[in-house]
PDB file of N, CA and C in Angstrom:
ATOM      1  N   MET A   1      43.778-210.226  38.658  1.00  0.00           N
ATOM      2  CA  MET A   1      43.197-211.436  38.118  1.00  0.00           C
ATOM      3  C   MET A   1      43.683-211.646  36.693  1.00  0.00           C
ATOM      4  N   ASN A   2      43.976-212.884  36.410  1.00  0.00           N
ATOM      5  CA  ASN A   2      44.396-213.252  35.069  1.00  0.00           C
ATOM      6  C   ASN A   2      43.150-213.419  34.200  1.00  0.00           C
ATOM      7  N   GLU A   3      42.954-212.507  33.271  1.00  0.00           N
ATOM      8  CA  GLU A   3      41.763-212.530  32.425  1.00  0.00           C
ATOM      9  C   GLU A   3      41.798-213.650  31.391  1.00  0.00           C
ATOM     10  N   GLN A   4      42.933-214.327  31.257  1.00  0.00           N
ATOM     11  CA  GLN A   4      43.040-215.456  30.331  1.00  0.00           C
ATOM     12  C   GLN A   4      42.419-216.724  30.909  1.00  0.00           C
ATOM     13  N   LEU A   5      42.165-216.725  32.202  1.00  0.00           N
ATOM     14  CA  LEU A   5      41.587-217.891  32.869  1.00  0.00           C
ATOM     15  C   LEU A   5      40.076-217.889  32.746  1.00  0.00           C
ATOM     16  N   THR A   6      39.490-219.053  32.890  1.00  0.00           N
ATOM     17  CA  THR A   6      38.032-219.148  32.907  1.00  0.00           C
ATOM     18  C   THR A   6      37.511-218.522  34.200  1.00  0.00           C
ATOM     19  N   PRO A   7      36.235-218.156  34.234  1.00  0.00           N
ATOM     20  CA  PRO A   7      35.681-217.618  35.482  1.00  0.00           C
ATOM     21  C   PRO A   7      35.859-218.582  36.665  1.00  0.00           C
ATOM     22  N   GLN A   8      35.742-219.878  36.404  1.00  0.00           N
ATOM     23  CA  GLN A   8      35.932-220.863  37.466  1.00  0.00           C
ATOM     24  C   GLN A   8      37.369-220.827  37.982  1.00  0.00           C
ATOM     25  N   GLN A   9      38.325-220.755  37.076  1.00  0.00           N
ATOM     26  CA  GLN A   9      39.733-220.698  37.477  1.00  0.00           C
ATOM     27  C   GLN A   9      40.050-219.399  38.214  1.00  0.00           C
ATOM     28  N   GLN A  10      39.432-218.304  37.805  1.00  0.00           N
ATOM     29  CA  GLN A  10      39.642-217.032  38.506  1.00  0.00           C
ATOM     30  C   GLN A  10      39.122-217.120  39.940  1.00  0.00           C
ATOM     31  N   TRP A  11      37.954-217.738  40.120  1.00  0.00           N
ATOM     32  CA  TRP A  11      37.396-217.909  41.459  1.00  0.00           C
ATOM     33  C   TRP A  11      38.311-218.792  42.317  1.00  0.00           C
ATOM     34  N   GLN A  12      38.834-219.861  41.724  1.00  0.00           N
ATOM     35  CA  GLN A  12      39.755-220.741  42.443  1.00  0.00           C
ATOM     36  C   GLN A  12      41.023-219.991  42.835  1.00  0.00           C
ATOM     37  N   ASP A  13      41.571-219.209  41.923  1.00  0.00           N
ATOM     38  CA  ASP A  13      42.765-218.414  42.232  1.00  0.00           C
ATOM     39  C   ASP A  13      42.492-217.430  43.362  1.00  0.00           C
ATOM     40  N   PHE A  14      41.327-216.785  43.302  1.00  0.00           N
ATOM     41  CA  PHE A  14      40.967-215.835  44.353  1.00  0.00           C
ATOM     42  C   PHE A  14      40.939-216.526  45.714  1.00  0.00           C
ATOM     43  N   CYS A  15      40.288-217.679  45.782  1.00  0.00           N
ATOM     44  CA  CYS A  15      40.198-218.405  47.055  1.00  0.00           C
ATOM     45  C   CYS A  15      41.571-218.870  47.527  1.00  0.00           C
ATOM     46  N   HIS A  16      42.419-219.286  46.603  1.00  0.00           N
ATOM     47  CA  HIS A  16      43.786-219.701  46.956  1.00  0.00           C
ATOM     48  C   HIS A  16      44.558-218.524  47.554  1.00  0.00           C
ATOM     49  N   GLU A  17      44.492-217.375  46.898  1.00  0.00           N
ATOM     50  CA  GLU A  17      45.221-216.202  47.398  1.00  0.00           C
ATOM     51  C   GLU A  17      44.618-215.675  48.693  1.00  0.00           C
ATOM     52  N   LEU A  18      43.304-215.783  48.838  1.00  0.00           N
ATOM     53  CA  LEU A  18      42.654-215.390  50.089  1.00  0.00           C
ATOM     54  C   LEU A  18      43.183-216.212  51.250  1.00  0.00           C
ATOM     55  N   ALA A  19      43.418-217.484  51.008  1.00  0.00           N
ATOM     56  CA  ALA A  19      43.974-218.345  52.060  1.00  0.00           C
ATOM     57  C   ALA A  19      45.321-217.817  52.526  1.00  0.00           C
ATOM     58  N   HIS A  20      46.164-217.378  51.598  1.00  0.00           N
ATOM     59  CA  HIS A  20      47.466-216.832  51.992  1.00  0.00           C
ATOM     60  C   HIS A  20      47.287-215.604  52.879  1.00  0.00           C
ATOM     61  N   VAL A  21      46.345-214.749  52.525  1.00  0.00           N
ATOM     62  CA  VAL A  21      46.103-213.529  53.311  1.00  0.00           C
ATOM     63  C   VAL A  21      45.607-213.881  54.713  1.00  0.00           C
ATOM     64  N   LEU A  22      44.693-214.831  54.788  1.00  0.00           N
ATOM     65  CA  LEU A  22      44.081-215.172  56.074  1.00  0.00           C
ATOM     66  C   LEU A  22      44.950-216.063  56.960  1.00  0.00           C
ATOM     67  N   LEU A  23      45.747-216.930  56.352  1.00  0.00           N
ATOM     68  CA  LEU A  23      46.426-217.967  57.128  1.00  0.00           C
ATOM     69  C   LEU A  23      47.938-217.791  57.261  1.00  0.00           C
ATOM     70  N   HIS A  24      48.557-217.023  56.384  1.00  0.00           N
ATOM     71  CA  HIS A  24      50.015-217.028  56.329  1.00  0.00           C
ATOM     72  C   HIS A  24      50.622-215.647  56.538  1.00  0.00           C
ATOM     73  N   THR A  25      51.841-215.652  57.030  1.00  0.00           N
ATOM     74  CA  THR A  25      52.622-214.427  57.155  1.00  0.00           C
ATOM     75  C   THR A  25      54.012-214.708  56.603  1.00  0.00           C
ATOM     76  N   GLY A  26      54.742-213.656  56.356  1.00  0.00           N
ATOM     77  CA  GLY A  26      56.118-213.825  55.907  1.00  0.00           C
ATOM     78  C   GLY A  26      56.257-213.793  54.406  1.00  0.00           C
ATOM     79  N   ASP A  27      57.496-213.788  53.980  1.00  0.00           N
ATOM     80  CA  ASP A  27      57.864-213.734  52.576  1.00  0.00           C
ATOM     81  C   ASP A  27      58.231-215.140  52.120  1.00  0.00           C
ATOM     82  N   GLN A  28      57.439-215.705  51.221  1.00  0.00           N
ATOM     83  CA  GLN A  28      57.691-217.078  50.786  1.00  0.00           C
ATOM     84  C   GLN A  28      59.050-217.223  50.117  1.00  0.00           C
ATOM     85  N   GLY A  29      59.557-216.162  49.530  1.00  0.00           N
ATOM     86  CA  GLY A  29      60.861-216.222  48.893  1.00  0.00           C
ATOM     87  C   GLY A  29      62.006-216.401  49.870  1.00  0.00           C
ATOM     88  N   ARG A  30      61.732-216.131  51.143  1.00  0.00           N
ATOM     89  CA  ARG A  30      62.781-216.222  52.155  1.00  0.00           C
ATOM     90  C   ARG A  30      62.600-217.402  53.097  1.00  0.00           C
ATOM     91  N   MET A  31      61.659-218.257  52.815  1.00  0.00           N
ATOM     92  CA  MET A  31      61.436-219.398  53.706  1.00  0.00           C
ATOM     93  C   MET A  31      61.937-220.686  53.052  1.00  0.00           C
ATOM     94  N   SER A  32      62.045-221.709  53.848  1.00  0.00           N
ATOM     95  CA  SER A  32      62.538-222.978  53.317  1.00  0.00           C
ATOM     96  C   SER A  32      61.562-223.525  52.274  1.00  0.00           C
ATOM     97  N   PRO A  33      62.094-224.249  51.310  1.00  0.00           N
ATOM     98  CA  PRO A  33      61.216-224.827  50.277  1.00  0.00           C
ATOM     99  C   PRO A  33      60.123-225.718  50.851  1.00  0.00           C
ATOM    100  N   LEU A  34      60.419-226.450  51.902  1.00  0.00           N
ATOM    101  CA  LEU A  34      59.401-227.327  52.492  1.00  0.00           C
ATOM    102  C   LEU A  34      58.275-226.532  53.132  1.00  0.00           C
ATOM    103  N   PHE A  35      58.624-225.423  53.800  1.00  0.00           N
ATOM    104  CA  PHE A  35      57.583-224.612  54.414  1.00  0.00           C
ATOM    105  C   PHE A  35      56.770-223.896  53.344  1.00  0.00           C
ATOM    106  N   HIS A  36      57.411-223.472  52.271  1.00  0.00           N
ATOM    107  CA  HIS A  36      56.700-222.874  51.142  1.00  0.00           C
ATOM    108  C   HIS A  36      55.706-223.874  50.558  1.00  0.00           C
ATOM    109  N   GLU A  37      56.147-225.112  50.371  1.00  0.00           N
ATOM    110  CA  GLU A  37      55.272-226.161  49.855  1.00  0.00           C
ATOM    111  C   GLU A  37      54.096-226.404  50.810  1.00  0.00           C
ATOM    112  N   TYR A  38      54.378-226.396  52.106  1.00  0.00           N
ATOM    113  CA  TYR A  38      53.332-226.567  53.112  1.00  0.00           C
ATOM    114  C   TYR A  38      52.267-225.464  52.969  1.00  0.00           C
ATOM    115  N   GLN A  39      52.718-224.214  52.838  1.00  0.00           N
ATOM    116  CA  GLN A  39      51.771-223.110  52.703  1.00  0.00           C
ATOM    117  C   GLN A  39      50.941-223.240  51.428  1.00  0.00           C
ATOM    118  N   GLU A  40      51.563-223.658  50.350  1.00  0.00           N
ATOM    119  CA  GLU A  40      50.827-223.833  49.099  1.00  0.00           C
ATOM    120  C   GLU A  40      49.790-224.950  49.234  1.00  0.00           C
ATOM    121  N   ASN A  41      50.157-226.037  49.891  1.00  0.00           N
ATOM    122  CA  ASN A  41      49.200-227.131  50.106  1.00  0.00           C
ATOM    123  C   ASN A  41      48.035-226.679  50.973  1.00  0.00           C
ATOM    124  N   LYS A  42      48.322-225.902  52.010  1.00  0.00           N
ATOM    125  CA  LYS A  42      47.251-225.374  52.865  1.00  0.00           C
ATOM    126  C   LYS A  42      46.328-224.445  52.080  1.00  0.00           C
ATOM    127  N   ALA A  43      46.913-223.598  51.237  1.00  0.00           N
ATOM    128  CA  ALA A  43      46.113-222.675  50.432  1.00  0.00           C
ATOM    129  C   ALA A  43      45.247-223.438  49.430  1.00  0.00           C
ATOM    130  N   ASN A  44      45.790-224.495  48.852  1.00  0.00           N
ATOM    131  CA  ASN A  44      44.999-225.309  47.913  1.00  0.00           C
ATOM    132  C   ASN A  44      43.855-226.017  48.634  1.00  0.00           C
ATOM    133  N   ASN A  45      44.115-226.512  49.826  1.00  0.00           N
ATOM    134  CA  ASN A  45      43.068-227.157  50.607  1.00  0.00           C
ATOM    135  C   ASN A  45      41.962-226.158  50.951  1.00  0.00           C
ATOM    136  N   PHE A  46      42.352-224.967  51.385  1.00  0.00           N
ATOM    137  CA  PHE A  46      41.388-223.910  51.690  1.00  0.00           C
ATOM    138  C   PHE A  46      40.554-223.587  50.449  1.00  0.00           C
ATOM    139  N   MET A  47      41.227-223.469  49.302  1.00  0.00           N
ATOM    140  CA  MET A  47      40.558-223.143  48.048  1.00  0.00           C
ATOM    141  C   MET A  47      39.457-224.162  47.742  1.00  0.00           C
ATOM    142  N   HIS A  48      39.775-225.443  47.858  1.00  0.00           N
ATOM    143  CA  HIS A  48      38.775-226.473  47.560  1.00  0.00           C
ATOM    144  C   HIS A  48      37.592-226.386  48.510  1.00  0.00           C
ATOM    145  N   HIS A  49      37.858-226.145  49.783  1.00  0.00           N
ATOM    146  CA  HIS A  49      36.767-226.063  50.752  1.00  0.00           C
ATOM    147  C   HIS A  49      35.968-224.771  50.608  1.00  0.00           C
ATOM    148  N   ALA A  50      36.609-223.685  50.228  1.00  0.00           N
ATOM    149  CA  ALA A  50      35.886-222.426  50.044  1.00  0.00           C
ATOM    150  C   ALA A  50      34.988-222.477  48.811  1.00  0.00           C
ATOM    151  N   CYS A  51      35.467-223.099  47.754  1.00  0.00           N
ATOM    152  CA  CYS A  51      34.692-223.184  46.514  1.00  0.00           C
ATOM    153  C   CYS A  51      33.550-224.193  46.610  1.00  0.00           C
ATOM    154  N   VAL A  52      33.769-225.270  47.340  1.00  0.00           N
ATOM    155  CA  VAL A  52      32.752-226.328  47.498  1.00  0.00           C
ATOM    156  C   VAL A  52      32.748-226.736  48.974  1.00  0.00           C
ATOM    157  N   PRO A  53      32.016-225.983  49.798  1.00  0.00           N
ATOM    158  CA  PRO A  53      32.039-226.238  51.246  1.00  0.00           C
ATOM    159  C   PRO A  53      31.450-227.595  51.642  1.00  0.00           C
ATOM    160  N   SER A  54      32.061-228.195  52.635  1.00  0.00           N
ATOM    161  CA  SER A  54      31.604-229.505  53.124  1.00  0.00           C
ATOM    162  C   SER A  54      30.172-229.454  53.637  1.00  0.00           C
ATOM    163  N   PHE A  55      29.817-228.380  54.342  1.00  0.00           N
ATOM    164  CA  PHE A  55      28.469-228.318  54.904  1.00  0.00           C
ATOM    165  C   PHE A  55      27.415-228.321  53.798  1.00  0.00           C
ATOM    166  N   MET A  56      27.773-227.827  52.624  1.00  0.00           N
ATOM    167  CA  MET A  56      26.837-227.853  51.505  1.00  0.00           C
ATOM    168  C   MET A  56      26.808-229.235  50.860  1.00  0.00           C
ATOM    169  N   LEU A  57      27.943-229.889  50.803  1.00  0.00           N
ATOM    170  CA  LEU A  57      27.962-231.262  50.284  1.00  0.00           C
ATOM    171  C   LEU A  57      27.170-232.190  51.194  1.00  0.00           C
ATOM    172  N   ASP A  58      27.210-231.933  52.498  1.00  0.00           N
ATOM    173  CA  ASP A  58      26.459-232.754  53.455  1.00  0.00           C
ATOM    174  C   ASP A  58      24.961-232.713  53.190  1.00  0.00           C
ATOM    175  N   GLU A  59      24.476-231.637  52.582  1.00  0.00           N
ATOM    176  CA  GLU A  59      23.046-231.467  52.331  1.00  0.00           C
ATOM    177  C   GLU A  59      22.573-232.128  51.035  1.00  0.00           C
ATOM    178  N   ILE A  60      23.502-232.608  50.233  1.00  0.00           N
ATOM    179  CA  ILE A  60      23.143-233.216  48.951  1.00  0.00           C
ATOM    180  C   ILE A  60      22.825-234.695  49.158  1.00  0.00           C
ATOM    181  N   GLU A  61      21.752-235.129  48.542  1.00  0.00           N
ATOM    182  CA  GLU A  61      21.368-236.538  48.586  1.00  0.00           C
ATOM    183  C   GLU A  61      22.543-237.382  48.081  1.00  0.00           C
ATOM    184  N   PRO A  62      22.959-238.407  48.829  1.00  0.00           N
ATOM    185  CA  PRO A  62      24.120-239.203  48.424  1.00  0.00           C
ATOM    186  C   PRO A  62      24.064-239.724  46.986  1.00  0.00           C
ATOM    187  N   SER A  63      22.894-240.068  46.505  1.00  0.00           N
ATOM    188  CA  SER A  63      22.796-240.565  45.123  1.00  0.00           C
ATOM    189  C   SER A  63      23.081-239.474  44.096  1.00  0.00           C
ATOM    190  N   ASN A  64      22.951-238.212  44.496  1.00  0.00           N
ATOM    191  CA  ASN A  64      23.247-237.087  43.599  1.00  0.00           C
ATOM    192  C   ASN A  64      24.681-236.608  43.707  1.00  0.00           C
ATOM    193  N   LEU A  65      25.413-237.139  44.630  1.00  0.00           N
ATOM    194  CA  LEU A  65      26.766-236.645  44.900  1.00  0.00           C
ATOM    195  C   LEU A  65      27.745-237.209  43.863  1.00  0.00           C
ATOM    196  N   THR A  66      27.625-236.680  42.655  1.00  0.00           N
ATOM    197  CA  THR A  66      28.489-237.087  41.552  1.00  0.00           C
ATOM    198  C   THR A  66      29.338-235.900  41.124  1.00  0.00           C
ATOM    199  N   VAL A  67      30.379-236.183  40.389  1.00  0.00           N
ATOM    200  CA  VAL A  67      31.245-235.110  39.895  1.00  0.00           C
ATOM    201  C   VAL A  67      30.436-234.139  39.035  1.00  0.00           C
ATOM    202  N   GLU A  68      29.611-234.666  38.166  1.00  0.00           N
ATOM    203  CA  GLU A  68      28.823-233.820  37.262  1.00  0.00           C
ATOM    204  C   GLU A  68      27.867-232.928  38.038  1.00  0.00           C
ATOM    205  N   TYR A  69      27.240-233.471  39.076  1.00  0.00           N
ATOM    206  CA  TYR A  69      26.307-232.691  39.887  1.00  0.00           C
ATOM    207  C   TYR A  69      27.040-231.559  40.611  1.00  0.00           C
ATOM    208  N   VAL A  70      28.154-231.891  41.235  1.00  0.00           N
ATOM    209  CA  VAL A  70      28.938-230.872  41.952  1.00  0.00           C
ATOM    210  C   VAL A  70      29.467-229.834  40.973  1.00  0.00           C
ATOM    211  N   GLN A  71      29.906-230.280  39.834  1.00  0.00           N
ATOM    212  CA  GLN A  71      30.411-229.376  38.800  1.00  0.00           C
ATOM    213  C   GLN A  71      29.330-228.367  38.413  1.00  0.00           C
ATOM    214  N   GLN A  72      28.120-228.833  38.211  1.00  0.00           N
ATOM    215  CA  GLN A  72      27.028-227.951  37.803  1.00  0.00           C
ATOM    216  C   GLN A  72      26.573-227.040  38.943  1.00  0.00           C
ATOM    217  N   LYS A  73      26.342-227.607  40.115  1.00  0.00           N
ATOM    218  CA  LYS A  73      25.799-226.837  41.233  1.00  0.00           C
ATOM    219  C   LYS A  73      26.756-225.768  41.755  1.00  0.00           C
ATOM    220  N   PHE A  74      28.058-226.061  41.700  1.00  0.00           N
ATOM    221  CA  PHE A  74      29.041-225.128  42.248  1.00  0.00           C
ATOM    222  C   PHE A  74      29.812-224.377  41.154  1.00  0.00           C
ATOM    223  N   ASN A  75      29.418-224.603  39.910  1.00  0.00           N
ATOM    224  CA  ASN A  75      30.043-223.939  38.769  1.00  0.00           C
ATOM    225  C   ASN A  75      31.558-224.135  38.769  1.00  0.00           C
ATOM    226  N   GLU A  76      31.958-225.379  38.861  1.00  0.00           N
ATOM    227  CA  GLU A  76      33.383-225.725  38.867  1.00  0.00           C
ATOM    228  C   GLU A  76      33.710-226.603  37.669  1.00  0.00           C
ATOM    229  N   GLU A  77      34.979-226.650  37.333  1.00  0.00           N
ATOM    230  CA  GLU A  77      35.426-227.511  36.257  1.00  0.00           C
ATOM    231  C   GLU A  77      35.446-228.966  36.735  1.00  0.00           C
ATOM    232  N   TYR A  78      35.396-229.874  35.777  1.00  0.00           N
ATOM    233  CA  TYR A  78      35.296-231.297  36.094  1.00  0.00           C
ATOM    234  C   TYR A  78      36.418-231.760  37.028  1.00  0.00           C
ATOM    235  N   ASP A  79      37.671-231.472  36.681  1.00  0.00           N
ATOM    236  CA  ASP A  79      38.808-231.942  37.487  1.00  0.00           C
ATOM    237  C   ASP A  79      38.773-231.382  38.906  1.00  0.00           C
ATOM    238  N   PHE A  80      38.336-230.134  39.032  1.00  0.00           N
ATOM    239  CA  PHE A  80      38.241-229.518  40.358  1.00  0.00           C
ATOM    240  C   PHE A  80      37.160-230.222  41.181  1.00  0.00           C
ATOM    241  N   ALA A  81      35.996-230.442  40.578  1.00  0.00           N
ATOM    242  CA  ALA A  81      34.902-231.126  41.274  1.00  0.00           C
ATOM    243  C   ALA A  81      35.308-232.546  41.665  1.00  0.00           C
ATOM    244  N   LEU A  82      36.026-233.223  40.785  1.00  0.00           N
ATOM    245  CA  LEU A  82      36.501-234.568  41.078  1.00  0.00           C
ATOM    246  C   LEU A  82      37.435-234.559  42.286  1.00  0.00           C
ATOM    247  N   LYS A  83      38.391-233.653  42.296  1.00  0.00           N
ATOM    248  CA  LYS A  83      39.344-233.552  43.411  1.00  0.00           C
ATOM    249  C   LYS A  83      38.607-233.252  44.721  1.00  0.00           C
ATOM    250  N   ARG A  84      37.640-232.341  44.659  1.00  0.00           N
ATOM    251  CA  ARG A  84      36.906-231.973  45.880  1.00  0.00           C
ATOM    252  C   ARG A  84      36.087-233.147  46.401  1.00  0.00           C
ATOM    253  N   LEU A  85      35.463-233.881  45.517  1.00  0.00           N
ATOM    254  CA  LEU A  85      34.689-235.049  45.962  1.00  0.00           C
ATOM    255  C   LEU A  85      35.592-236.128  46.542  1.00  0.00           C
ATOM    256  N   GLU A  86      36.766-236.298  45.969  1.00  0.00           N
ATOM    257  CA  GLU A  86      37.724-237.254  46.534  1.00  0.00           C
ATOM    258  C   GLU A  86      38.098-236.844  47.955  1.00  0.00           C
ATOM    259  N   GLN A  87      38.370-235.562  48.169  1.00  0.00           N
ATOM    260  CA  GLN A  87      38.683-235.070  49.513  1.00  0.00           C
ATOM    261  C   GLN A  87      37.520-235.334  50.460  1.00  0.00           C
ATOM    262  N   TYR A  88      36.338-234.994  49.996  1.00  0.00           N
ATOM    263  CA  TYR A  88      35.140-235.139  50.827  1.00  0.00           C
ATOM    264  C   TYR A  88      34.915-236.591  51.216  1.00  0.00           C
ATOM    265  N   HIS A  89      34.981-237.494  50.256  1.00  0.00           N
ATOM    266  CA  HIS A  89      34.760-238.917  50.548  1.00  0.00           C
ATOM    267  C   HIS A  89      35.860-239.488  51.435  1.00  0.00           C
ATOM    268  N   ASN A  90      37.098-239.097  51.207  1.00  0.00           N
ATOM    269  CA  ASN A  90      38.206-239.580  52.040  1.00  0.00           C
ATOM    270  C   ASN A  90      38.036-239.137  53.486  1.00  0.00           C
ATOM    271  N   LYS A  91      37.599-237.918  53.694  1.00  0.00           N
ATOM    272  CA  LYS A  91      37.376-237.416  55.053  1.00  0.00           C
ATOM    273  C   LYS A  91      36.218-238.174  55.714  1.00  0.00           C
ATOM    274  N   ARG A  92      35.184-238.448  54.956  1.00  0.00           N
ATOM    275  CA  ARG A  92      34.023-239.178  55.495  1.00  0.00           C
ATOM    276  C   ARG A  92      34.411-240.595  55.896  1.00  0.00           C
ATOM    277  N   LEU A  93      35.347-241.197  55.170  1.00  0.00           N
ATOM    278  CA  LEU A  93      35.778-242.548  55.506  1.00  0.00           C
ATOM    279  C   LEU A  93      36.534-242.597  56.831  1.00  0.00           C
ATOM    280  N   LEU A  94      37.158-241.474  57.201  1.00  0.00           N
ATOM    281  CA  LEU A  94      37.915-241.421  58.452  1.00  0.00           C
ATOM    282  C   LEU A  94      37.007-241.346  59.674  1.00  0.00           C
ATOM    283  N   PHE A  95      35.785-240.865  59.472  1.00  0.00           N
ATOM    284  CA  PHE A  95      34.894-240.673  60.628  1.00  0.00           C
ATOM    285  C   PHE A  95      33.735-241.570  60.561  1.00  0.00           C
TER     286      PHE A  95
END
């Protein structure tokens, strides 16, 4: 763990790396750049969902579902909470 990062960033890094362990195999240095990018995008998506799970967002009163509320309740940084809420709302619009 990089001790120069905030506790929130360390947790995000942990979840990102956990995704690689759980979802991916192979040596990224030996794969095509596009597949490497794909794996990184998947790991980032996993990280956002692991840090702020959808099932927990579903339980929050819609009027409370703000960036500040998510930031406080899940102990995340503002930009991270904003990105996660954007993902959550975009997915809800599809269904």
